[in-house]
Amino acid sequence: MECPLSKKTTIVLATHGTKFFFDYSFEPSS
């Protein structure tokens, strides 16, 4: 049985991770 909070956290992390990836890819600061 999955914990709703854990599932939500995973989705949030995935979303933020994807956003960061695209932001870094399209706007490289280095």
PDB file of N, CA and C in Angstrom:
ATOM      1  N   MET A   1       0.855  -1.199   0.000  1.00  0.00           N
ATOM      2  CA  MET A   1       0.000   0.000   0.000  1.00  0.00           C
ATOM      3  C   MET A   1       0.889   1.247   0.000  1.00  0.00           C
ATOM      4  N   GLU A   2       0.693   2.084  -0.999  1.00  0.00           N
ATOM      5  CA  GLU A   2       1.525   3.274  -1.115  1.00  0.00           C
ATOM      6  C   GLU A   2       1.013   4.402  -0.231  1.00  0.00           C
ATOM      7  N   CYS A   3       1.929   5.194   0.251  1.00  0.00           N
ATOM      8  CA  CYS A   3       1.541   6.339   1.066  1.00  0.00           C
ATOM      9  C   CYS A   3       1.270   7.529   0.146  1.00  0.00           C
ATOM     10  N   PRO A   4       0.095   8.126   0.241  1.00  0.00           N
ATOM     11  CA  PRO A   4      -0.276   9.250  -0.630  1.00  0.00           C
ATOM     12  C   PRO A   4       0.756  10.378  -0.573  1.00  0.00           C
ATOM     13  N   LEU A   5       1.281  10.627   0.625  1.00  0.00           N
ATOM     14  CA  LEU A   5       2.245  11.709   0.779  1.00  0.00           C
ATOM     15  C   LEU A   5       3.515  11.401   0.003  1.00  0.00           C
ATOM     16  N   SER A   6       3.970  10.149   0.099  1.00  0.00           N
ATOM     17  CA  SER A   6       5.191   9.763  -0.607  1.00  0.00           C
ATOM     18  C   SER A   6       4.988   9.878  -2.108  1.00  0.00           C
ATOM     19  N   LYS A   7       3.802   9.453  -2.564  1.00  0.00           N
ATOM     20  CA  LYS A   7       3.514   9.511  -3.998  1.00  0.00           C
ATOM     21  C   LYS A   7       3.482  10.967  -4.456  1.00  0.00           C
ATOM     22  N   LYS A   8       2.862  11.825  -3.652  1.00  0.00           N
ATOM     23  CA  LYS A   8       2.793  13.246  -4.002  1.00  0.00           C
ATOM     24  C   LYS A   8       4.189  13.853  -4.020  1.00  0.00           C
ATOM     25  N   THR A   9       4.996  13.470  -3.038  1.00  0.00           N
ATOM     26  CA  THR A   9       6.355  13.998  -2.963  1.00  0.00           C
ATOM     27  C   THR A   9       7.151  13.604  -4.190  1.00  0.00           C
ATOM     28  N   THR A  10       6.983  12.357  -4.618  1.00  0.00           N
ATOM     29  CA  THR A  10       7.700  11.872  -5.799  1.00  0.00           C
ATOM     30  C   THR A  10       7.310  12.682  -7.023  1.00  0.00           C
ATOM     31  N   ILE A  11       6.005  12.948  -7.162  1.00  0.00           N
ATOM     32  CA  ILE A  11       5.516  13.723  -8.306  1.00  0.00           C
ATOM     33  C   ILE A  11       6.081  15.143  -8.258  1.00  0.00           C
ATOM     34  N   VAL A  12       6.072  15.738  -7.074  1.00  0.00           N
ATOM     35  CA  VAL A  12       6.577  17.107  -6.918  1.00  0.00           C
ATOM     36  C   VAL A  12       8.057  17.168  -7.263  1.00  0.00           C
ATOM     37  N   LEU A  13       8.822  16.197  -6.752  1.00  0.00           N
ATOM     38  CA  LEU A  13      10.258  16.176  -7.029  1.00  0.00           C
ATOM     39  C   LEU A  13      10.508  15.999  -8.512  1.00  0.00           C
ATOM     40  N   ALA A  14       9.728  15.134  -9.143  1.00  0.00           N
ATOM     41  CA  ALA A  14       9.898  14.884 -10.572  1.00  0.00           C
ATOM     42  C   ALA A  14       9.589  16.156 -11.361  1.00  0.00           C
ATOM     43  N   THR A  15       8.529  16.850 -10.949  1.00  0.00           N
ATOM     44  CA  THR A  15       8.136  18.077 -11.640  1.00  0.00           C
ATOM     45  C   THR A  15       9.206  19.149 -11.494  1.00  0.00           C
ATOM     46  N   HIS A  16       9.668  19.353 -10.259  1.00  0.00           N
ATOM     47  CA  HIS A  16      10.690  20.365 -10.017  1.00  0.00           C
ATOM     48  C   HIS A  16      11.989  19.983 -10.707  1.00  0.00           C
ATOM     49  N   GLY A  17      12.306  18.691 -10.696  1.00  0.00           N
ATOM     50  CA  GLY A  17      13.530  18.219 -11.339  1.00  0.00           C
ATOM     51  C   GLY A  17      13.482  18.487 -12.831  1.00  0.00           C
ATOM     52  N   THR A  18      12.310  18.232 -13.433  1.00  0.00           N
ATOM     53  CA  THR A  18      12.155  18.459 -14.870  1.00  0.00           C
ATOM     54  C   THR A  18      12.257  19.944 -15.185  1.00  0.00           C
ATOM     55  N   LYS A  19      11.629  20.773 -14.354  1.00  0.00           N
ATOM     56  CA  LYS A  19      11.670  22.219 -14.569  1.00  0.00           C
ATOM     57  C   LYS A  19      13.106  22.725 -14.480  1.00  0.00           C
ATOM     58  N   PHE A  20      13.826  22.241 -13.470  1.00  0.00           N
ATOM     59  CA  PHE A  20      15.215  22.652 -13.299  1.00  0.00           C
ATOM     60  C   PHE A  20      16.050  22.215 -14.491  1.00  0.00           C
ATOM     61  N   PHE A  21      15.793  21.000 -14.966  1.00  0.00           N
ATOM     62  CA  PHE A  21      16.539  20.459 -16.103  1.00  0.00           C
ATOM     63  C   PHE A  21      16.334  21.328 -17.338  1.00  0.00           C
ATOM     64  N   PHE A  22      15.080  21.688 -17.615  1.00  0.00           N
ATOM     65  CA  PHE A  22      14.798  22.507 -18.795  1.00  0.00           C
ATOM     66  C   PHE A  22      15.346  23.922 -18.624  1.00  0.00           C
ATOM     67  N   ASP A  23      15.205  24.469 -17.418  1.00  0.00           N
ATOM     68  CA  ASP A  23      15.729  25.815 -17.176  1.00  0.00           C
ATOM     69  C   ASP A  23      17.233  25.840 -17.386  1.00  0.00           C
ATOM     70  N   TYR A  24      17.907  24.795 -16.910  1.00  0.00           N
ATOM     71  CA  TYR A  24      19.364  24.739 -17.022  1.00  0.00           C
ATOM     72  C   TYR A  24      19.785  24.488 -18.466  1.00  0.00           C
ATOM     73  N   SER A  25      18.985  23.691 -19.161  1.00  0.00           N
ATOM     74  CA  SER A  25      19.324  23.351 -20.545  1.00  0.00           C
ATOM     75  C   SER A  25      19.146  24.555 -21.472  1.00  0.00           C
ATOM     76  N   PHE A  26      18.048  25.292 -21.275  1.00  0.00           N
ATOM     77  CA  PHE A  26      17.769  26.419 -22.161  1.00  0.00           C
ATOM     78  C   PHE A  26      18.487  27.689 -21.717  1.00  0.00           C
ATOM     79  N   GLU A  27      18.836  27.750 -20.418  1.00  0.00           N
ATOM     80  CA  GLU A  27      19.549  28.923 -19.929  1.00  0.00           C
ATOM     81  C   GLU A  27      20.765  28.500 -19.113  1.00  0.00           C
ATOM     82  N   PRO A  28      21.792  27.981 -19.766  1.00  0.00           N
ATOM     83  CA  PRO A  28      23.004  27.566 -19.061  1.00  0.00           C
ATOM     84  C   PRO A  28      23.706  28.774 -18.448  1.00  0.00           C
ATOM     85  N   SER A  29      23.998  28.694 -17.166  1.00  0.00           N
ATOM     86  CA  SER A  29      24.610  29.832 -16.484  1.00  0.00           C
ATOM     87  C   SER A  29      26.118  29.689 -16.411  1.00  0.00           C
ATOM     88  N   SER A  30      26.654  28.582 -16.898  1.00  0.00           N
ATOM     89  CA  SER A  30      28.092  28.368 -16.819  1.00  0.00           C
ATOM     90  C   SER A  30      28.713  28.400 -18.213  1.00  0.00           C
TER      91      SER A  30
END
